[in-house]
Amino acid sequence: LDWYLFLLTRLCIAFYLLLLTDSCALPGRLQYAELEERFRTMQSFPVGTTVSYVCRPGYIRIPGKSSSRTCSEGLEWLPTEQFCKERTCNHPGELADGIVHVTDLTFGSEATFSCETGFRLVGPGKISCVIKGSGVGWNRDLPVCETIMCKPPPSIPNGFYTEATDYMYQMAVTYTCNQPPRGADPFSLIGPDTIFCTSDENSNGVWSEAPPQCRVVKCDNPRVENGKKIAGFGHHYSYRDSVVFECEPGYFLVGLSTITCGENNTWSPPVPTCEKITAVVCGAPSIKNGVVIPAKSVYEEGESVQIKCNVYCAFPDGTQDMTATCQGQNLWSSLQNCACE
């Protein structure tokens, strides 16, 4: 009897090993489908076993494709072709005054949105194609593109602008100074007279810059010893008035010949001076369409400077730089002006 039980045990083991040898591994996990519930608890899959799949949520059967796979004699699950495909959402639609960016409508894809210049996005910047009930759909409603609006521009003392009901993107507002009381000094408009409704990095409506100021600006009557005005004659000077000077014979100009009354009641650049010409000095050479290096007011006899023409400008010989030397008596050697294209 013991010998019989031993032989029976060996036969069972051999049969079990034979079954294992002629069985497929567990059916592979598929991204688009899962085993039908009745096959999920099976532990052994001998040759010839057939299992069936169902499409996962978000996927749908491909017509004409089998959802079953069979353990073949080569111990492979066949066929291997895909039998479920991703469901697709409908196109999300058009966005007024904006653009819908979508390259794919399948389950899991996204649509993003942007607005045209002058409009801001209100709502989600993107939506996703997700499972909805037994199908798929977009997870959120479309946003809207609304016109960028600015708050009313700031009011300014001694000035005004023409008011409007709304201030939309790119709308301009122009400021004007009030007329002063009779006999009073006029107001000068300092800064840009016109500002525009624009937007910041968050698409909020903002004004392009700060508003101007309306205030009285007066500069002293400039005088240059040993020099005279050749333009801008007068006794009273207000904002942006200019005066041009030249020196009397025997003197050279130190500084710039043209000065302008600035917003701080001062002349810019500073009022020049006229220095007496001597045998050992030269004033700064005046070069059209070029710069002098180094730039100084006075140069000593024998001192040289480099003259460089501005971009697209050149000397008559086609070069763009040259050297000039102070010869005393406010005389320079080889001075030439730059001509521009």
C-alpha atoms as a PDB file:
ATOM      1  CA  LEU A   1       0.000   0.000   0.000  1.00  0.00           C
ATOM      2  CA  ASP A   2       2.829   2.398   0.830  1.00  0.00           C
ATOM      3  CA  TRP A   3       4.400   1.737  -2.522  1.00  0.00           C
ATOM      4  CA  TYR A   4       1.049   2.469  -4.218  1.00  0.00           C
ATOM      5  CA  LEU A   5       0.613   5.806  -2.399  1.00  0.00           C
ATOM      6  CA  PHE A   6       4.183   6.800  -3.284  1.00  0.00           C
ATOM      7  CA  LEU A   7       3.598   6.068  -6.958  1.00  0.00           C
ATOM      8  CA  LEU A   8       0.263   7.957  -6.975  1.00  0.00           C
ATOM      9  CA  THR A   9       1.894  10.999  -5.357  1.00  0.00           C
ATOM     10  CA  ARG A  10       4.658  11.020  -7.954  1.00  0.00           C
ATOM     11  CA  LEU A  11       2.121  10.800 -10.770  1.00  0.00           C
ATOM     12  CA  CYS A  12       0.118  13.732  -9.341  1.00  0.00           C
ATOM     13  CA  ILE A  13       3.226  15.847  -9.054  1.00  0.00           C
ATOM     14  CA  ALA A  14       4.243  14.992 -12.598  1.00  0.00           C
ATOM     15  CA  PHE A  15       0.760  15.832 -13.882  1.00  0.00           C
ATOM     16  CA  TYR A  16       0.775  19.160 -11.996  1.00  0.00           C
ATOM     17  CA  LEU A  17       4.186  20.034 -13.387  1.00  0.00           C
ATOM     18  CA  LEU A  18       2.935  19.149 -16.846  1.00  0.00           C
ATOM     19  CA  LEU A  19       0.004  21.493 -16.345  1.00  0.00           C
ATOM     20  CA  LEU A  20       2.359  24.270 -15.213  1.00  0.00           C
ATOM     21  CA  THR A  21       4.631  23.651 -18.168  1.00  0.00           C
ATOM     22  CA  ASP A  22       1.754  23.916 -20.650  1.00  0.00           C
ATOM     23  CA  SER A  23       0.133  27.032 -19.096  1.00  0.00           C
ATOM     24  CA  CYS A  24       0.327  30.723 -19.923  1.00  0.00           C
ATOM     25  CA  ALA A  25       1.281  33.360 -17.411  1.00  0.00           C
ATOM     26  CA  LEU A  26      -1.399  35.660 -15.998  1.00  0.00           C
ATOM     27  CA  PRO A  27      -2.960  37.719 -18.801  1.00  0.00           C
ATOM     28  CA  GLY A  28      -1.138  41.055 -19.144  1.00  0.00           C
ATOM     29  CA  ARG A  29      -2.592  44.239 -17.707  1.00  0.00           C
ATOM     30  CA  LEU A  30      -3.834  46.477 -20.517  1.00  0.00           C
ATOM     31  CA  GLN A  31      -4.008  50.275 -20.373  1.00  0.00           C
ATOM     32  CA  TYR A  32      -7.309  50.370 -22.219  1.00  0.00           C
ATOM     33  CA  ALA A  33      -9.086  47.233 -20.881  1.00  0.00           C
ATOM     34  CA  GLU A  34      -9.417  44.919 -17.863  1.00  0.00           C
ATOM     35  CA  LEU A  35     -10.351  41.236 -17.473  1.00  0.00           C
ATOM     36  CA  GLU A  36     -13.991  40.378 -17.130  1.00  0.00           C
ATOM     37  CA  GLU A  37     -14.766  39.740 -13.484  1.00  0.00           C
ATOM     38  CA  ARG A  38     -15.225  35.962 -13.934  1.00  0.00           C
ATOM     39  CA  PHE A  39     -11.587  35.571 -15.047  1.00  0.00           C
ATOM     40  CA  ARG A  40      -9.969  37.730 -12.345  1.00  0.00           C
ATOM     41  CA  THR A  41      -9.740  34.908  -9.739  1.00  0.00           C
ATOM     42  CA  MET A  42      -8.310  32.223 -12.069  1.00  0.00           C
ATOM     43  CA  GLN A  43      -4.853  30.962 -11.050  1.00  0.00           C
ATOM     44  CA  SER A  44      -4.047  28.586 -13.922  1.00  0.00           C
ATOM     45  CA  PHE A  45      -4.333  29.170 -17.650  1.00  0.00           C
ATOM     46  CA  PRO A  46      -3.615  25.950 -19.627  1.00  0.00           C
ATOM     47  CA  VAL A  47      -3.101  26.024 -23.376  1.00  0.00           C
ATOM     48  CA  GLY A  48      -6.430  26.729 -25.082  1.00  0.00           C
ATOM     49  CA  THR A  49      -7.829  28.863 -22.236  1.00  0.00           C
ATOM     50  CA  THR A  50      -9.696  31.911 -23.491  1.00  0.00           C
ATOM     51  CA  VAL A  51     -10.310  35.027 -21.421  1.00  0.00           C
ATOM     52  CA  SER A  52     -12.338  38.128 -22.260  1.00  0.00           C
ATOM     53  CA  TYR A  53     -11.811  41.802 -21.498  1.00  0.00           C
ATOM     54  CA  VAL A  54     -14.028  44.842 -21.059  1.00  0.00           C
ATOM     55  CA  CYS A  55     -12.959  48.375 -22.038  1.00  0.00           C
ATOM     56  CA  ARG A  56     -11.913  50.651 -19.204  1.00  0.00           C
ATOM     57  CA  PRO A  57     -13.824  53.892 -18.536  1.00  0.00           C
ATOM     58  CA  GLY A  58     -12.863  56.484 -21.129  1.00  0.00           C
ATOM     59  CA  TYR A  59     -12.442  53.824 -23.841  1.00  0.00           C
ATOM     60  CA  ILE A  60     -14.833  52.224 -26.348  1.00  0.00           C
ATOM     61  CA  ARG A  61     -14.737  48.969 -28.395  1.00  0.00           C
ATOM     62  CA  ILE A  62     -13.205  49.103 -31.850  1.00  0.00           C
ATOM     63  CA  PRO A  63     -15.770  47.565 -34.211  1.00  0.00           C
ATOM     64  CA  GLY A  64     -14.676  44.224 -35.659  1.00  0.00           C
ATOM     65  CA  LYS A  65     -11.923  43.659 -33.081  1.00  0.00           C
ATOM     66  CA  SER A  66     -12.188  40.696 -30.664  1.00  0.00           C
ATOM     67  CA  SER A  67     -12.011  41.441 -26.952  1.00  0.00           C
ATOM     68  CA  SER A  68     -10.923  37.820 -26.191  1.00  0.00           C
ATOM     69  CA  ARG A  69      -7.414  36.375 -25.974  1.00  0.00           C
ATOM     70  CA  THR A  70      -6.423  32.694 -25.985  1.00  0.00           C
ATOM     71  CA  CYS A  71      -3.414  30.908 -24.469  1.00  0.00           C
ATOM     72  CA  SER A  72      -1.641  29.507 -27.556  1.00  0.00           C
ATOM     73  CA  GLU A  73       0.653  26.455 -27.818  1.00  0.00           C
ATOM     74  CA  GLY A  74       3.543  28.904 -27.811  1.00  0.00           C
ATOM     75  CA  LEU A  75       2.311  29.978 -24.360  1.00  0.00           C
ATOM     76  CA  GLU A  76       1.417  33.450 -25.639  1.00  0.00           C
ATOM     77  CA  TRP A  77      -1.885  35.287 -25.365  1.00  0.00           C
ATOM     78  CA  LEU A  78      -3.248  35.845 -28.861  1.00  0.00           C
ATOM     79  CA  PRO A  79      -4.295  37.928 -30.692  1.00  0.00           C
ATOM     80  CA  THR A  80      -2.388  40.978 -29.423  1.00  0.00           C
ATOM     81  CA  GLU A  81      -4.078  43.728 -31.426  1.00  0.00           C
ATOM     82  CA  GLN A  82      -5.788  46.566 -29.550  1.00  0.00           C
ATOM     83  CA  PHE A  83      -9.565  46.291 -29.375  1.00  0.00           C
ATOM     84  CA  CYS A  84     -10.509  49.434 -27.392  1.00  0.00           C
ATOM     85  CA  LYS A  85      -9.841  53.066 -28.328  1.00  0.00           C
ATOM     86  CA  GLU A  86     -10.074  56.322 -26.412  1.00  0.00           C
ATOM     87  CA  ARG A  87     -13.420  58.032 -26.392  1.00  0.00           C
ATOM     88  CA  THR A  88     -13.447  61.583 -27.779  1.00  0.00           C
ATOM     89  CA  CYS A  89     -15.042  64.780 -26.548  1.00  0.00           C
ATOM     90  CA  ASN A  90     -16.842  67.161 -28.860  1.00  0.00           C
ATOM     91  CA  HIS A  91     -14.919  70.290 -29.869  1.00  0.00           C
ATOM     92  CA  PRO A  92     -15.301  72.770 -26.989  1.00  0.00           C
ATOM     93  CA  GLY A  93     -16.579  75.487 -29.347  1.00  0.00           C
ATOM     94  CA  GLU A  94     -15.496  78.986 -30.332  1.00  0.00           C
ATOM     95  CA  LEU A  95     -14.311  81.642 -27.860  1.00  0.00           C
ATOM     96  CA  ALA A  96     -15.477  85.169 -28.701  1.00  0.00           C
ATOM     97  CA  ASP A  97     -12.503  87.582 -28.871  1.00  0.00           C
ATOM     98  CA  GLY A  98     -10.171  84.695 -28.056  1.00  0.00           C
ATOM     99  CA  ILE A  99      -8.542  81.537 -29.339  1.00  0.00           C
ATOM    100  CA  VAL A 100      -9.156  77.881 -28.416  1.00  0.00           C
ATOM    101  CA  HIS A 101      -5.956  75.825 -28.497  1.00  0.00           C
ATOM    102  CA  VAL A 102      -6.756  72.135 -28.909  1.00  0.00           C
ATOM    103  CA  THR A 103      -4.770  69.460 -30.743  1.00  0.00           C
ATOM    104  CA  ASP A 104      -6.564  66.334 -29.523  1.00  0.00           C
ATOM    105  CA  LEU A 105     -10.122  65.539 -28.426  1.00  0.00           C
ATOM    106  CA  THR A 106      -9.495  62.101 -26.916  1.00  0.00           C
ATOM    107  CA  PHE A 107     -10.062  61.167 -23.287  1.00  0.00           C
ATOM    108  CA  GLY A 108      -7.472  62.860 -21.054  1.00  0.00           C
ATOM    109  CA  SER A 109      -6.626  65.644 -23.510  1.00  0.00           C
ATOM    110  CA  GLU A 110      -6.760  69.355 -22.629  1.00  0.00           C
ATOM    111  CA  ALA A 111      -7.951  72.512 -24.342  1.00  0.00           C
ATOM    112  CA  THR A 112      -6.357  75.857 -23.413  1.00  0.00           C
ATOM    113  CA  PHE A 113      -7.546  79.395 -24.057  1.00  0.00           C
ATOM    114  CA  SER A 114      -6.080  82.834 -24.715  1.00  0.00           C
ATOM    115  CA  CYS A 115      -7.655  86.201 -25.443  1.00  0.00           C
ATOM    116  CA  GLU A 116      -6.903  88.687 -28.167  1.00  0.00           C
ATOM    117  CA  THR A 117      -5.020  91.875 -27.336  1.00  0.00           C
ATOM    118  CA  GLY A 118      -7.183  94.200 -25.269  1.00  0.00           C
ATOM    119  CA  PHE A 119      -9.179  91.398 -23.632  1.00  0.00           C
ATOM    120  CA  ARG A 120      -8.692  89.428 -20.413  1.00  0.00           C
ATOM    121  CA  LEU A 121      -9.610  85.805 -19.666  1.00  0.00           C
ATOM    122  CA  VAL A 122     -12.356  85.295 -17.077  1.00  0.00           C
ATOM    123  CA  GLY A 123     -12.718  81.650 -16.088  1.00  0.00           C
ATOM    124  CA  PRO A 124     -10.502  78.581 -16.461  1.00  0.00           C
ATOM    125  CA  GLY A 125      -7.366  78.802 -18.585  1.00  0.00           C
ATOM    126  CA  LYS A 126      -7.767  75.148 -19.570  1.00  0.00           C
ATOM    127  CA  ILE A 127     -10.345  72.335 -19.482  1.00  0.00           C
ATOM    128  CA  SER A 128      -9.918  68.541 -19.654  1.00  0.00           C
ATOM    129  CA  CYS A 129     -11.757  65.738 -21.439  1.00  0.00           C
ATOM    130  CA  VAL A 130     -12.895  63.504 -18.544  1.00  0.00           C
ATOM    131  CA  ILE A 131     -15.280  60.610 -17.838  1.00  0.00           C
ATOM    132  CA  LYS A 132     -18.879  61.741 -17.490  1.00  0.00           C
ATOM    133  CA  GLY A 133     -21.434  59.025 -16.806  1.00  0.00           C
ATOM    134  CA  SER A 134     -21.017  56.338 -19.421  1.00  0.00           C
ATOM    135  CA  GLY A 135     -19.148  58.628 -21.798  1.00  0.00           C
ATOM    136  CA  VAL A 136     -16.716  61.552 -21.740  1.00  0.00           C
ATOM    137  CA  GLY A 137     -17.086  65.331 -21.700  1.00  0.00           C
ATOM    138  CA  TRP A 138     -15.329  68.558 -20.757  1.00  0.00           C
ATOM    139  CA  ASN A 139     -14.925  69.082 -17.034  1.00  0.00           C
ATOM    140  CA  ARG A 140     -15.668  72.836 -17.062  1.00  0.00           C
ATOM    141  CA  ASP A 141     -17.514  75.452 -19.082  1.00  0.00           C
ATOM    142  CA  LEU A 142     -15.641  77.702 -21.489  1.00  0.00           C
ATOM    143  CA  PRO A 143     -14.235  80.968 -20.105  1.00  0.00           C
ATOM    144  CA  VAL A 144     -15.075  84.365 -21.594  1.00  0.00           C
ATOM    145  CA  CYS A 145     -12.841  87.153 -22.911  1.00  0.00           C
ATOM    146  CA  GLU A 146     -13.898  90.528 -21.564  1.00  0.00           C
ATOM    147  CA  THR A 147     -12.629  93.933 -22.633  1.00  0.00           C
ATOM    148  CA  ILE A 148      -9.826  95.316 -20.444  1.00  0.00           C
ATOM    149  CA  MET A 149     -11.059  98.421 -18.655  1.00  0.00           C
ATOM    150  CA  CYS A 150      -9.150 101.090 -16.737  1.00  0.00           C
ATOM    151  CA  LYS A 151     -10.352 103.031 -13.740  1.00  0.00           C
ATOM    152  CA  PRO A 152     -10.896 106.761 -14.327  1.00  0.00           C
ATOM    153  CA  PRO A 153      -7.520 108.506 -14.700  1.00  0.00           C
ATOM    154  CA  PRO A 154      -6.179 110.591 -11.797  1.00  0.00           C
ATOM    155  CA  SER A 155      -7.227 114.188 -11.415  1.00  0.00           C
ATOM    156  CA  ILE A 156      -4.454 116.799 -11.250  1.00  0.00           C
ATOM    157  CA  PRO A 157      -4.260 120.194  -9.531  1.00  0.00           C
ATOM    158  CA  ASN A 158      -4.623 123.167 -11.886  1.00  0.00           C
ATOM    159  CA  GLY A 159      -5.542 120.904 -14.794  1.00  0.00           C
ATOM    160  CA  PHE A 160      -8.284 118.727 -16.270  1.00  0.00           C
ATOM    161  CA  TYR A 161      -9.099 116.055 -18.865  1.00  0.00           C
ATOM    162  CA  THR A 162     -12.231 115.289 -20.855  1.00  0.00           C
ATOM    163  CA  GLU A 163     -14.170 112.677 -18.904  1.00  0.00           C
ATOM    164  CA  ALA A 164     -15.826 109.616 -20.460  1.00  0.00           C
ATOM    165  CA  THR A 165     -18.320 106.999 -19.281  1.00  0.00           C
ATOM    166  CA  ASP A 166     -15.841 104.117 -19.638  1.00  0.00           C
ATOM    167  CA  TYR A 167     -12.124 103.862 -20.264  1.00  0.00           C
ATOM    168  CA  MET A 168     -11.406 100.877 -22.493  1.00  0.00           C
ATOM    169  CA  TYR A 169      -8.112  99.364 -23.596  1.00  0.00           C
ATOM    170  CA  GLN A 170      -6.011 101.750 -25.772  1.00  0.00           C
ATOM    171  CA  MET A 171      -8.298 104.684 -25.013  1.00  0.00           C
ATOM    172  CA  ALA A 172      -6.340 107.950 -24.709  1.00  0.00           C
ATOM    173  CA  VAL A 173      -6.868 110.750 -22.214  1.00  0.00           C
ATOM    174  CA  THR A 174      -5.349 114.186 -22.801  1.00  0.00           C
ATOM    175  CA  TYR A 175      -4.704 116.679 -19.995  1.00  0.00           C
ATOM    176  CA  THR A 176      -4.857 120.462 -20.283  1.00  0.00           C
ATOM    177  CA  CYS A 177      -3.780 123.090 -17.758  1.00  0.00           C
ATOM    178  CA  ASN A 178      -6.269 125.619 -16.423  1.00  0.00           C
ATOM    179  CA  GLN A 179      -6.074 129.252 -17.416  1.00  0.00           C
ATOM    180  CA  PRO A 180      -4.496 131.262 -14.555  1.00  0.00           C
ATOM    181  CA  PRO A 181      -6.240 134.194 -12.907  1.00  0.00           C
ATOM    182  CA  ARG A 182      -5.816 137.506 -14.715  1.00  0.00           C
ATOM    183  CA  GLY A 183      -2.304 138.842 -14.265  1.00  0.00           C
ATOM    184  CA  ALA A 184      -0.925 135.558 -12.805  1.00  0.00           C
ATOM    185  CA  ASP A 185       1.856 133.459 -14.327  1.00  0.00           C
ATOM    186  CA  PRO A 186       0.644 130.710 -16.682  1.00  0.00           C
ATOM    187  CA  PHE A 187       0.687 127.048 -15.720  1.00  0.00           C
ATOM    188  CA  SER A 188       3.115 124.796 -17.584  1.00  0.00           C
ATOM    189  CA  LEU A 189       2.168 121.195 -18.369  1.00  0.00           C
ATOM    190  CA  ILE A 190       5.078 119.046 -17.176  1.00  0.00           C
ATOM    191  CA  GLY A 191       5.180 115.457 -18.374  1.00  0.00           C
ATOM    192  CA  PRO A 192       3.150 113.645 -21.043  1.00  0.00           C
ATOM    193  CA  ASP A 193      -0.038 115.447 -21.965  1.00  0.00           C
ATOM    194  CA  THR A 194      -1.628 112.149 -23.121  1.00  0.00           C
ATOM    195  CA  ILE A 195      -1.773 108.802 -21.328  1.00  0.00           C
ATOM    196  CA  PHE A 196      -3.297 105.515 -22.555  1.00  0.00           C
ATOM    197  CA  CYS A 197      -5.284 102.681 -21.021  1.00  0.00           C
ATOM    198  CA  THR A 198      -3.070  99.591 -21.249  1.00  0.00           C
ATOM    199  CA  SER A 199      -2.591  96.380 -19.233  1.00  0.00           C
ATOM    200  CA  ASP A 200      -0.114  94.871 -16.758  1.00  0.00           C
ATOM    201  CA  GLU A 201       1.283  91.336 -16.687  1.00  0.00           C
ATOM    202  CA  ASN A 202      -1.964  90.105 -15.098  1.00  0.00           C
ATOM    203  CA  SER A 203      -4.144  91.700 -17.809  1.00  0.00           C
ATOM    204  CA  ASN A 204      -5.468  94.306 -15.394  1.00  0.00           C
ATOM    205  CA  GLY A 205      -6.238  97.715 -16.872  1.00  0.00           C
ATOM    206  CA  VAL A 206      -3.602 100.321 -15.951  1.00  0.00           C
ATOM    207  CA  TRP A 207      -2.638 103.733 -17.312  1.00  0.00           C
ATOM    208  CA  SER A 208       0.502 103.883 -19.421  1.00  0.00           C
ATOM    209  CA  GLU A 209       2.256 106.346 -17.089  1.00  0.00           C
ATOM    210  CA  ALA A 210       1.691 108.863 -14.346  1.00  0.00           C
ATOM    211  CA  PRO A 211      -0.352 111.944 -15.286  1.00  0.00           C
ATOM    212  CA  PRO A 212       1.388 115.272 -15.949  1.00  0.00           C
ATOM    213  CA  GLN A 213       1.562 118.218 -13.570  1.00  0.00           C
ATOM    214  CA  CYS A 214       0.318 121.743 -14.091  1.00  0.00           C
ATOM    215  CA  ARG A 215       2.409 124.279 -12.196  1.00  0.00           C
ATOM    216  CA  VAL A 216       4.181 127.590 -12.638  1.00  0.00           C
ATOM    217  CA  VAL A 217       7.791 127.261 -13.853  1.00  0.00           C
ATOM    218  CA  LYS A 218      10.039 130.337 -14.082  1.00  0.00           C
ATOM    219  CA  CYS A 219      13.757 130.533 -14.850  1.00  0.00           C
ATOM    220  CA  ASP A 220      15.963 133.546 -14.218  1.00  0.00           C
ATOM    221  CA  ASN A 221      17.013 135.715 -17.120  1.00  0.00           C
ATOM    222  CA  PRO A 222      20.381 134.125 -18.061  1.00  0.00           C
ATOM    223  CA  ARG A 223      23.385 136.346 -18.686  1.00  0.00           C
ATOM    224  CA  VAL A 224      26.835 135.408 -19.979  1.00  0.00           C
ATOM    225  CA  GLU A 225      29.719 137.788 -19.419  1.00  0.00           C
ATOM    226  CA  ASN A 226      31.565 138.486 -22.648  1.00  0.00           C
ATOM    227  CA  GLY A 227      28.786 136.779 -24.530  1.00  0.00           C
ATOM    228  CA  LYS A 228      25.387 137.576 -26.019  1.00  0.00           C
ATOM    229  CA  LYS A 229      22.063 135.984 -26.893  1.00  0.00           C
ATOM    230  CA  ILE A 230      21.506 135.182 -30.529  1.00  0.00           C
ATOM    231  CA  ALA A 231      18.079 133.511 -30.006  1.00  0.00           C
ATOM    232  CA  GLY A 232      15.487 133.400 -27.257  1.00  0.00           C
ATOM    233  CA  PHE A 233      15.417 137.080 -26.462  1.00  0.00           C
ATOM    234  CA  GLY A 234      13.289 138.154 -23.526  1.00  0.00           C
ATOM    235  CA  HIS A 235      13.179 138.896 -19.835  1.00  0.00           C
ATOM    236  CA  HIS A 236      10.768 136.184 -18.618  1.00  0.00           C
ATOM    237  CA  TYR A 237      11.284 132.479 -19.283  1.00  0.00           C
ATOM    238  CA  SER A 238       8.975 129.579 -18.507  1.00  0.00           C
ATOM    239  CA  TYR A 239       9.080 125.802 -18.979  1.00  0.00           C
ATOM    240  CA  ARG A 240      10.853 124.653 -22.167  1.00  0.00           C
ATOM    241  CA  ASP A 241      11.853 128.154 -23.286  1.00  0.00           C
ATOM    242  CA  SER A 242      15.330 128.104 -24.853  1.00  0.00           C
ATOM    243  CA  VAL A 243      18.145 130.633 -25.226  1.00  0.00           C
ATOM    244  CA  VAL A 244      21.160 130.437 -27.563  1.00  0.00           C
ATOM    245  CA  PHE A 245      24.474 132.213 -26.784  1.00  0.00           C
ATOM    246  CA  GLU A 246      27.667 133.067 -28.599  1.00  0.00           C
ATOM    247  CA  CYS A 247      30.850 134.695 -27.311  1.00  0.00           C
ATOM    248  CA  GLU A 248      32.264 138.084 -28.196  1.00  0.00           C
ATOM    249  CA  PRO A 249      35.363 138.136 -30.441  1.00  0.00           C
ATOM    250  CA  GLY A 250      38.460 137.039 -28.518  1.00  0.00           C
ATOM    251  CA  TYR A 251      36.499 134.621 -26.309  1.00  0.00           C
ATOM    252  CA  PHE A 252      35.456 130.975 -26.647  1.00  0.00           C
ATOM    253  CA  LEU A 253      32.396 129.200 -25.256  1.00  0.00           C
ATOM    254  CA  VAL A 254      32.737 126.807 -22.326  1.00  0.00           C
ATOM    255  CA  GLY A 255      29.612 124.689 -22.153  1.00  0.00           C
ATOM    256  CA  LEU A 256      26.743 124.292 -24.591  1.00  0.00           C
ATOM    257  CA  SER A 257      25.431 127.220 -26.575  1.00  0.00           C
ATOM    258  CA  THR A 258      21.718 126.274 -26.162  1.00  0.00           C
ATOM    259  CA  ILE A 259      20.070 126.053 -22.736  1.00  0.00           C
ATOM    260  CA  THR A 260      16.449 125.243 -21.857  1.00  0.00           C
ATOM    261  CA  CYS A 261      14.301 126.175 -18.859  1.00  0.00           C
ATOM    262  CA  GLY A 262      13.611 122.955 -16.950  1.00  0.00           C
ATOM    263  CA  GLU A 263      10.769 121.846 -14.707  1.00  0.00           C
ATOM    264  CA  ASN A 264      12.760 122.659 -11.544  1.00  0.00           C
ATOM    265  CA  ASN A 265      13.095 126.364 -12.461  1.00  0.00           C
ATOM    266  CA  THR A 266      16.719 125.884 -13.548  1.00  0.00           C
ATOM    267  CA  TRP A 267      18.518 126.018 -16.886  1.00  0.00           C
ATOM    268  CA  SER A 268      19.604 122.747 -18.451  1.00  0.00           C
ATOM    269  CA  PRO A 269      22.393 122.375 -19.282  1.00  0.00           C
ATOM    270  CA  PRO A 270      23.886 125.054 -17.012  1.00  0.00           C
ATOM    271  CA  VAL A 271      24.437 128.542 -18.382  1.00  0.00           C
ATOM    272  CA  PRO A 272      27.758 128.545 -20.335  1.00  0.00           C
ATOM    273  CA  THR A 273      30.662 130.934 -19.853  1.00  0.00           C
ATOM    274  CA  CYS A 274      32.889 132.792 -22.288  1.00  0.00           C
ATOM    275  CA  GLU A 275      36.605 132.442 -21.568  1.00  0.00           C
ATOM    276  CA  LYS A 276      39.320 134.632 -23.065  1.00  0.00           C
ATOM    277  CA  ILE A 277      41.246 133.059 -25.914  1.00  0.00           C
ATOM    278  CA  THR A 278      44.950 132.675 -25.058  1.00  0.00           C
ATOM    279  CA  ALA A 279      47.929 131.244 -26.851  1.00  0.00           C
ATOM    280  CA  VAL A 280      47.827 128.022 -24.856  1.00  0.00           C
ATOM    281  CA  VAL A 281      44.152 126.919 -24.809  1.00  0.00           C
ATOM    282  CA  CYS A 282      41.327 125.817 -27.091  1.00  0.00           C
ATOM    283  CA  GLY A 283      37.607 125.523 -26.479  1.00  0.00           C
ATOM    284  CA  ALA A 284      35.757 122.295 -27.177  1.00  0.00           C
ATOM    285  CA  PRO A 285      35.532 121.689 -30.929  1.00  0.00           C
ATOM    286  CA  SER A 286      32.025 121.791 -32.368  1.00  0.00           C
ATOM    287  CA  ILE A 287      31.416 118.776 -34.603  1.00  0.00           C
ATOM    288  CA  LYS A 288      28.172 118.079 -36.431  1.00  0.00           C
ATOM    289  CA  ASN A 289      26.944 114.449 -36.261  1.00  0.00           C
ATOM    290  CA  GLY A 290      29.884 113.330 -34.120  1.00  0.00           C
ATOM    291  CA  VAL A 291      31.366 113.192 -30.604  1.00  0.00           C
ATOM    292  CA  VAL A 292      34.669 114.369 -29.132  1.00  0.00           C
ATOM    293  CA  ILE A 293      36.722 112.029 -26.902  1.00  0.00           C
ATOM    294  CA  PRO A 294      37.617 113.007 -24.234  1.00  0.00           C
ATOM    295  CA  ALA A 295      34.860 115.583 -23.779  1.00  0.00           C
ATOM    296  CA  LYS A 296      36.057 118.677 -21.874  1.00  0.00           C
ATOM    297  CA  SER A 297      35.369 122.403 -21.842  1.00  0.00           C
ATOM    298  CA  VAL A 298      38.985 123.537 -22.251  1.00  0.00           C
ATOM    299  CA  TYR A 299      42.018 121.857 -23.855  1.00  0.00           C
ATOM    300  CA  GLU A 300      45.669 122.895 -23.579  1.00  0.00           C
ATOM    301  CA  GLU A 301      47.891 123.602 -26.557  1.00  0.00           C
ATOM    302  CA  GLY A 302      49.254 120.356 -28.008  1.00  0.00           C
ATOM    303  CA  GLU A 303      46.426 118.232 -26.529  1.00  0.00           C
ATOM    304  CA  SER A 304      44.757 115.880 -29.004  1.00  0.00           C
ATOM    305  CA  VAL A 305      41.206 114.544 -29.172  1.00  0.00           C
ATOM    306  CA  GLN A 306      39.561 111.745 -31.115  1.00  0.00           C
ATOM    307  CA  ILE A 307      36.500 112.658 -33.153  1.00  0.00           C
ATOM    308  CA  LYS A 308      34.075 109.798 -33.908  1.00  0.00           C
ATOM    309  CA  CYS A 309      31.144 110.098 -36.286  1.00  0.00           C
ATOM    310  CA  ASN A 310      27.687 108.918 -35.289  1.00  0.00           C
ATOM    311  CA  VAL A 311      26.223 105.717 -36.747  1.00  0.00           C
ATOM    312  CA  TYR A 312      25.627 105.963 -40.527  1.00  0.00           C
ATOM    313  CA  CYS A 313      27.808 109.081 -40.656  1.00  0.00           C
ATOM    314  CA  ALA A 314      31.380 109.550 -41.978  1.00  0.00           C
ATOM    315  CA  PHE A 315      34.027 112.142 -42.893  1.00  0.00           C
ATOM    316  CA  PRO A 316      34.422 113.150 -46.555  1.00  0.00           C
ATOM    317  CA  ASP A 317      37.141 110.514 -47.030  1.00  0.00           C
ATOM    318  CA  GLY A 318      34.778 107.750 -45.816  1.00  0.00           C
ATOM    319  CA  THR A 319      36.418 107.189 -42.404  1.00  0.00           C
ATOM    320  CA  GLN A 320      34.441 107.440 -39.173  1.00  0.00           C
ATOM    321  CA  ASP A 321      37.102 108.754 -36.777  1.00  0.00           C
ATOM    322  CA  MET A 322      39.985 111.199 -36.863  1.00  0.00           C
ATOM    323  CA  THR A 323      42.405 112.990 -34.516  1.00  0.00           C
ATOM    324  CA  ALA A 324      42.573 116.766 -34.038  1.00  0.00           C
ATOM    325  CA  THR A 325      45.152 118.756 -32.032  1.00  0.00           C
ATOM    326  CA  CYS A 326      44.784 122.047 -30.151  1.00  0.00           C
ATOM    327  CA  GLN A 327      47.182 124.614 -31.669  1.00  0.00           C
ATOM    328  CA  GLY A 328      46.360 127.387 -29.175  1.00  0.00           C
ATOM    329  CA  GLN A 329      44.356 130.533 -29.821  1.00  0.00           C
ATOM    330  CA  ASN A 330      41.234 128.308 -29.963  1.00  0.00           C
ATOM    331  CA  LEU A 331      42.451 126.783 -33.220  1.00  0.00           C
ATOM    332  CA  TRP A 332      42.241 123.071 -34.029  1.00  0.00           C
ATOM    333  CA  SER A 333      44.064 121.173 -36.712  1.00  0.00           C
ATOM    334  CA  SER A 334      42.191 119.046 -39.261  1.00  0.00           C
ATOM    335  CA  LEU A 335      38.640 119.726 -38.053  1.00  0.00           C
ATOM    336  CA  GLN A 336      35.928 118.277 -40.310  1.00  0.00           C
ATOM    337  CA  ASN A 337      32.229 117.612 -39.894  1.00  0.00           C
ATOM    338  CA  CYS A 338      30.589 114.209 -40.293  1.00  0.00           C
ATOM    339  CA  ALA A 339      28.111 113.770 -43.139  1.00  0.00           C
ATOM    340  CA  CYS A 340      25.241 111.305 -42.705  1.00  0.00           C
ATOM    341  CA  GLU A 341      23.532 109.099 -45.249  1.00  0.00           C
END
